[in-house]
Amino acid sequence: GCADIPTPHIDRIAAEGVRFEAGYVTAAVCGPSRAGLITGRYQHRFGSSTNPTVDPSVHNGVPRDEPMISEMLAPAGYVSMAVGKWHLGTFPGLRPRERGFDEFYGFLTGGHNYFPENLTLEDLSEVRKPWDWYRTKLLHNGVRVATDDYLTDELSDAAVEFIDRDRDNPFFLYLAYNAPHTPLQATEKYLSRFPELDGDRKTYAAMVSAMDDGIGRVLDALDERGLAENTLVVFLSDNGGAKNNASSNEPLRGWKSDHFEGGVGVRVAMRWPS
């Protein structure tokens, strides 16, 4: 329904599946919301009611005795990969590959820089001031890796490569883009699509468009490999739009962090053709 930012691939999920007019998440900020999503339980029941700390020396995140969907699918023979934002615990033992995911490509914290030249820290132990954690190099199965592309495109690449590798197995892909979370950063490839916009709204639109492109690539990968008919695709956000990134929750009241509709009412669509 957004007039100034086309999202044809996200719209395709809704058009070919089910659009949920009353979609809600269980928290108005990302960490608790994701904890509820990935465990299937209200996160208050196990103490994940605030964003977990980024300090890897603090045992803070989703407890080990709360099974995640990845841990439930593993005994059924599923291969699982988490791509992008984690934000469910940086402490050893709470990270993706220790929580049922066979592969991980992304970052452990709540936000990240999008340009590869800004990713200079080798580890969270090097963080010296707030938001420095946005500058850590990406993790690939526990190893820090150098990147050379816009972050949203990097995450899309990893998702498509996973589908290609595990096309013959039952698989679960948790693709958690950080776009359009701050900082507002986009490449000219995406900015040039919105000549009629300016300022932060233009950058926000470019970031959303990059994410939509990536979602299109995932859908195409499923189509091209003959997997689309029997693959459930779910799209949603972890919370409503934030005040500081030029998003709009109209006509809903409030923003991310609020418990008005604008904070917890989100778009949800699911597609499963067969």
Protein backbone atom coordinates (compact mmCIF):
# COMPACT_ATOMS: atom_id res chain seq x y z
CA GLY A 1 0.00 0.00 0.00
CA CYS A 2 2.98 2.35 0.11
CA ALA A 3 2.67 4.88 -2.71
CA ASP A 4 6.27 6.08 -3.04
CA ILE A 5 8.26 2.84 -2.50
CA PRO A 6 7.36 -0.03 -4.85
CA THR A 7 7.97 -3.52 -3.38
CA PRO A 8 6.92 -5.87 -6.19
CA HIS A 9 8.55 -8.98 -4.74
CA ILE A 10 7.13 -8.60 -1.23
CA ASP A 11 3.78 -7.87 -2.88
CA ARG A 12 4.15 -11.07 -4.89
CA ILE A 13 4.25 -13.15 -1.69
CA ALA A 14 0.95 -11.60 -0.66
CA ALA A 15 -0.62 -11.82 -4.12
CA GLU A 16 0.26 -15.50 -4.51
CA GLY A 17 -0.49 -16.43 -0.90
CA VAL A 18 -2.25 -15.01 2.13
CA ARG A 19 -2.08 -11.44 3.39
CA PHE A 20 -2.78 -11.03 7.09
CA GLU A 21 -4.67 -7.79 7.67
CA ALA A 22 -4.27 -8.06 11.45
CA GLY A 23 -0.62 -9.02 11.78
CA TYR A 24 1.04 -8.51 15.14
CA VAL A 25 4.37 -9.23 16.76
CA THR A 26 4.83 -9.85 20.48
CA ALA A 27 7.09 -6.87 21.22
CA ALA A 28 7.67 -3.36 19.93
CA VAL A 29 11.46 -3.74 19.70
CA CYS A 30 13.52 -6.26 17.78
CA GLY A 31 15.23 -8.53 20.33
CA PRO A 32 12.15 -9.66 22.28
CA SER A 33 10.06 -9.82 19.11
CA ARG A 34 12.56 -12.17 17.48
CA ALA A 35 12.76 -14.27 20.64
CA GLY A 36 9.01 -14.80 20.45
CA LEU A 37 9.12 -15.56 16.73
CA ILE A 38 11.94 -18.09 16.81
CA THR A 39 10.69 -19.99 19.88
CA GLY A 40 6.97 -19.79 19.22
CA ARG A 41 6.38 -18.65 22.81
CA TYR A 42 5.65 -15.33 24.46
CA GLN A 43 9.17 -14.16 25.29
CA HIS A 44 8.14 -12.82 28.72
CA ARG A 45 7.76 -16.42 29.86
CA PHE A 46 11.53 -16.89 29.69
CA GLY A 47 12.74 -13.39 30.55
CA SER A 48 13.55 -12.00 27.08
CA SER A 49 11.63 -8.78 27.55
CA THR A 50 14.37 -6.32 26.51
CA ASN A 51 17.07 -6.23 23.85
CA PRO A 52 19.99 -8.45 24.90
CA THR A 53 23.34 -6.85 25.63
CA VAL A 54 26.06 -6.88 22.98
CA ASP A 55 28.65 -7.79 25.62
CA PRO A 56 29.73 -11.39 24.91
CA SER A 57 30.89 -11.82 28.51
CA VAL A 58 27.32 -11.49 29.81
CA HIS A 59 24.99 -14.51 29.69
CA ASN A 60 22.05 -12.66 28.20
CA GLY A 61 19.78 -13.85 25.40
CA VAL A 62 17.31 -16.65 24.71
CA PRO A 63 17.94 -19.35 27.37
CA ARG A 64 19.25 -22.71 26.20
CA ASP A 65 16.24 -24.53 27.68
CA GLU A 66 13.91 -22.64 25.31
CA PRO A 67 14.13 -24.58 22.02
CA MET A 68 14.24 -22.56 18.82
CA ILE A 69 12.53 -23.65 15.62
CA SER A 70 15.92 -24.63 14.22
CA GLU A 71 16.43 -27.03 17.13
CA MET A 72 12.99 -28.53 16.61
CA LEU A 73 13.51 -29.07 12.87
CA ALA A 74 16.95 -30.68 13.13
CA PRO A 75 15.68 -34.11 14.33
CA ALA A 76 13.29 -34.12 11.34
CA GLY A 77 16.27 -33.93 8.99
CA TYR A 78 16.20 -30.23 8.16
CA VAL A 79 19.32 -28.28 7.27
CA SER A 80 19.07 -24.76 8.70
CA MET A 81 20.84 -21.47 8.06
CA ALA A 82 20.54 -18.08 9.74
CA VAL A 83 21.46 -15.11 7.56
CA GLY A 84 21.80 -11.50 8.73
CA LYS A 85 20.79 -10.10 12.08
CA TRP A 86 20.83 -12.38 15.13
CA HIS A 87 20.25 -10.25 18.27
CA LEU A 88 19.30 -13.27 20.36
CA GLY A 89 22.45 -13.54 22.43
CA THR A 90 26.17 -12.89 21.87
CA PHE A 91 27.35 -15.06 24.78
CA PRO A 92 29.06 -18.32 23.74
CA GLY A 93 26.42 -21.02 23.72
CA LEU A 94 23.67 -18.64 22.61
CA ARG A 95 24.89 -18.07 19.06
CA PRO A 96 23.21 -19.47 15.92
CA ARG A 97 25.38 -22.55 15.34
CA GLU A 98 24.92 -23.49 18.99
CA ARG A 99 21.15 -23.15 18.65
CA GLY A 100 20.39 -25.65 15.90
CA PHE A 101 21.56 -23.73 12.83
CA ASP A 102 24.05 -25.58 10.65
CA GLU A 103 25.26 -22.35 9.07
CA PHE A 104 25.39 -18.66 9.97
CA TYR A 105 26.35 -15.65 7.89
CA GLY A 106 25.76 -12.28 9.48
CA PHE A 107 26.25 -10.40 12.72
CA LEU A 108 25.28 -11.09 16.33
CA THR A 109 24.08 -7.63 17.36
CA GLY A 110 21.01 -5.50 16.71
CA GLY A 111 22.24 -3.26 13.89
CA HIS A 112 25.09 -2.91 11.44
CA ASN A 113 26.84 -0.68 8.95
CA TYR A 114 26.00 -1.44 5.33
CA PHE A 115 29.19 -0.34 3.57
CA PRO A 116 32.07 -2.85 3.63
CA GLU A 117 34.74 -0.19 4.19
CA ASN A 118 33.12 0.57 7.57
CA LEU A 119 33.45 -3.02 8.81
CA THR A 120 36.85 -2.93 10.45
CA LEU A 121 36.54 -4.60 13.88
CA GLU A 122 37.55 -8.23 14.18
CA ASP A 123 35.59 -8.96 17.34
CA LEU A 124 33.07 -7.52 19.79
CA SER A 125 35.89 -7.39 22.36
CA GLU A 126 37.28 -4.43 20.36
CA VAL A 127 34.17 -2.33 20.99
CA ARG A 128 35.11 0.79 22.97
CA LYS A 129 32.01 3.00 22.67
CA PRO A 130 28.31 2.72 21.85
CA TRP A 131 27.46 1.67 18.28
CA ASP A 132 31.02 0.46 17.61
CA TRP A 133 29.47 -3.01 17.34
CA TYR A 134 27.97 -1.86 14.02
CA ARG A 135 31.53 -1.97 12.63
CA THR A 136 32.38 -5.64 13.24
CA LYS A 137 33.24 -7.79 10.25
CA LEU A 138 30.62 -10.36 9.33
CA LEU A 139 30.73 -13.84 10.80
CA HIS A 140 30.64 -16.92 8.60
CA ASN A 141 30.30 -20.01 10.75
CA GLY A 142 32.35 -18.44 13.53
CA VAL A 143 35.06 -16.93 11.33
CA ARG A 144 35.31 -13.18 10.63
CA VAL A 145 35.28 -12.49 6.91
CA ALA A 146 36.06 -9.47 4.76
CA THR A 147 33.27 -8.34 2.42
CA ASP A 148 33.21 -6.13 -0.64
CA ASP A 149 29.51 -5.50 -1.30
CA TYR A 150 26.59 -3.56 0.15
CA LEU A 151 25.40 -5.52 3.19
CA THR A 152 21.84 -6.17 2.00
CA ASP A 153 23.19 -7.62 -1.24
CA GLU A 154 25.70 -9.74 0.70
CA LEU A 155 22.87 -11.26 2.73
CA SER A 156 20.82 -11.95 -0.39
CA ASP A 157 23.82 -13.70 -1.97
CA ALA A 158 24.23 -15.92 1.08
CA ALA A 159 20.54 -16.85 1.09
CA VAL A 160 20.49 -17.83 -2.58
CA GLU A 161 23.73 -19.81 -2.22
CA PHE A 162 22.23 -21.75 0.70
CA ILE A 163 19.15 -22.67 -1.34
CA ASP A 164 21.38 -23.83 -4.16
CA ARG A 165 23.59 -25.94 -1.87
CA ASP A 166 20.74 -27.59 0.02
CA ARG A 167 18.09 -27.82 -2.67
CA ASP A 168 17.95 -31.63 -2.28
CA ASN A 169 17.36 -31.51 1.50
CA PRO A 170 14.49 -30.26 3.62
CA PHE A 171 15.76 -26.81 4.62
CA PHE A 172 14.93 -23.88 6.87
CA LEU A 173 16.29 -20.46 5.94
CA TYR A 174 15.99 -17.64 8.50
CA LEU A 175 16.80 -14.56 6.41
CA ALA A 176 16.87 -11.60 8.78
CA TYR A 177 17.69 -8.44 6.86
CA ASN A 178 18.67 -5.49 9.04
CA ALA A 179 17.38 -3.10 6.36
CA PRO A 180 15.87 -0.57 6.81
CA HIS A 181 17.27 -0.30 10.36
CA THR A 182 19.58 2.68 10.92
CA PRO A 183 22.16 3.82 9.96
CA LEU A 184 20.55 5.13 6.79
CA GLN A 185 22.99 3.97 4.12
CA ALA A 186 22.38 3.04 0.49
CA THR A 187 24.32 2.75 -2.74
CA GLU A 188 23.69 4.81 -5.86
CA LYS A 189 22.26 1.73 -7.56
CA TYR A 190 19.24 1.94 -5.26
CA LEU A 191 19.18 5.69 -4.59
CA SER A 192 18.87 6.37 -8.33
CA ARG A 193 15.50 4.62 -8.37
CA PHE A 194 13.91 7.45 -6.40
CA PRO A 195 14.71 10.78 -8.12
CA GLU A 196 11.47 12.28 -6.85
CA LEU A 197 12.44 11.77 -3.19
CA ASP A 198 15.13 13.49 -1.16
CA GLY A 199 16.80 13.38 2.22
CA ASP A 200 16.30 10.49 4.61
CA ARG A 201 13.12 9.30 2.88
CA LYS A 202 15.09 8.74 -0.32
CA THR A 203 17.70 6.67 1.50
CA TYR A 204 15.03 4.74 3.38
CA ALA A 205 13.28 3.97 0.08
CA ALA A 206 16.55 2.79 -1.46
CA MET A 207 17.20 0.47 1.50
CA VAL A 208 13.73 -1.04 1.27
CA SER A 209 14.12 -1.46 -2.48
CA ALA A 210 17.42 -3.32 -1.99
CA MET A 211 15.74 -5.68 0.46
CA ASP A 212 12.84 -6.22 -1.95
CA ASP A 213 15.32 -7.10 -4.70
CA GLY A 214 16.87 -9.70 -2.42
CA ILE A 215 13.50 -11.21 -1.61
CA GLY A 216 12.84 -11.41 -5.35
CA ARG A 217 16.10 -13.29 -5.81
CA VAL A 218 15.07 -15.80 -3.13
CA LEU A 219 11.68 -16.35 -4.79
CA ASP A 220 13.36 -16.74 -8.18
CA ALA A 221 15.83 -19.24 -6.73
CA LEU A 222 12.95 -21.35 -5.45
CA ASP A 223 11.23 -21.16 -8.84
CA GLU A 224 14.33 -22.01 -10.87
CA ARG A 225 15.16 -25.03 -8.72
CA GLY A 226 11.60 -26.40 -8.75
CA LEU A 227 11.16 -25.80 -5.02
CA ALA A 228 8.52 -23.08 -4.94
CA GLU A 229 5.44 -25.32 -4.86
CA ASN A 230 6.40 -27.03 -1.62
CA THR A 231 8.18 -24.23 0.20
CA LEU A 232 6.45 -22.07 2.80
CA VAL A 233 7.64 -18.47 2.53
CA VAL A 234 6.80 -16.07 5.37
CA PHE A 235 7.40 -12.32 5.30
CA LEU A 236 7.08 -10.04 8.30
CA SER A 237 8.82 -7.29 10.25
CA ASP A 238 9.99 -7.58 13.85
CA ASN A 239 8.29 -4.30 14.83
CA GLY A 240 6.74 -1.17 13.40
CA GLY A 241 8.66 1.62 11.70
CA ALA A 242 11.03 3.72 13.83
CA LYS A 243 10.94 7.48 14.33
CA ASN A 244 14.54 7.92 13.24
CA ASN A 245 14.60 6.27 9.80
CA ALA A 246 11.99 8.22 7.78
CA SER A 247 9.53 5.33 7.79
CA SER A 248 5.77 5.79 8.03
CA ASN A 249 3.24 3.72 9.96
CA GLU A 250 0.23 5.61 8.64
CA PRO A 251 -2.59 5.29 9.48
CA LEU A 252 -1.43 3.58 12.68
CA ARG A 253 -0.57 5.48 15.84
CA GLY A 254 2.94 5.27 17.26
CA TRP A 255 6.34 3.89 16.33
CA LYS A 256 8.83 1.20 17.15
CA SER A 257 9.20 1.01 20.96
CA ASP A 258 5.56 2.09 21.44
CA HIS A 259 2.84 -0.38 22.32
CA PHE A 260 0.37 1.45 20.16
CA GLU A 261 -0.57 -0.16 16.84
CA GLY A 262 2.37 1.50 15.08
CA GLY A 263 4.80 -0.38 17.30
CA VAL A 264 3.42 -3.91 17.09
CA GLY A 265 1.10 -4.00 14.07
CA VAL A 266 3.14 -5.31 11.12
CA ARG A 267 2.59 -6.55 7.57
CA VAL A 268 2.55 -10.34 7.36
CA ALA A 269 2.25 -12.47 4.23
CA MET A 270 2.68 -16.19 3.64
CA ARG A 271 2.91 -18.20 0.43
CA TRP A 272 2.76 -21.98 0.00
CA PRO A 273 1.38 -22.87 -3.44
CA SER A 274 0.81 -26.61 -2.98
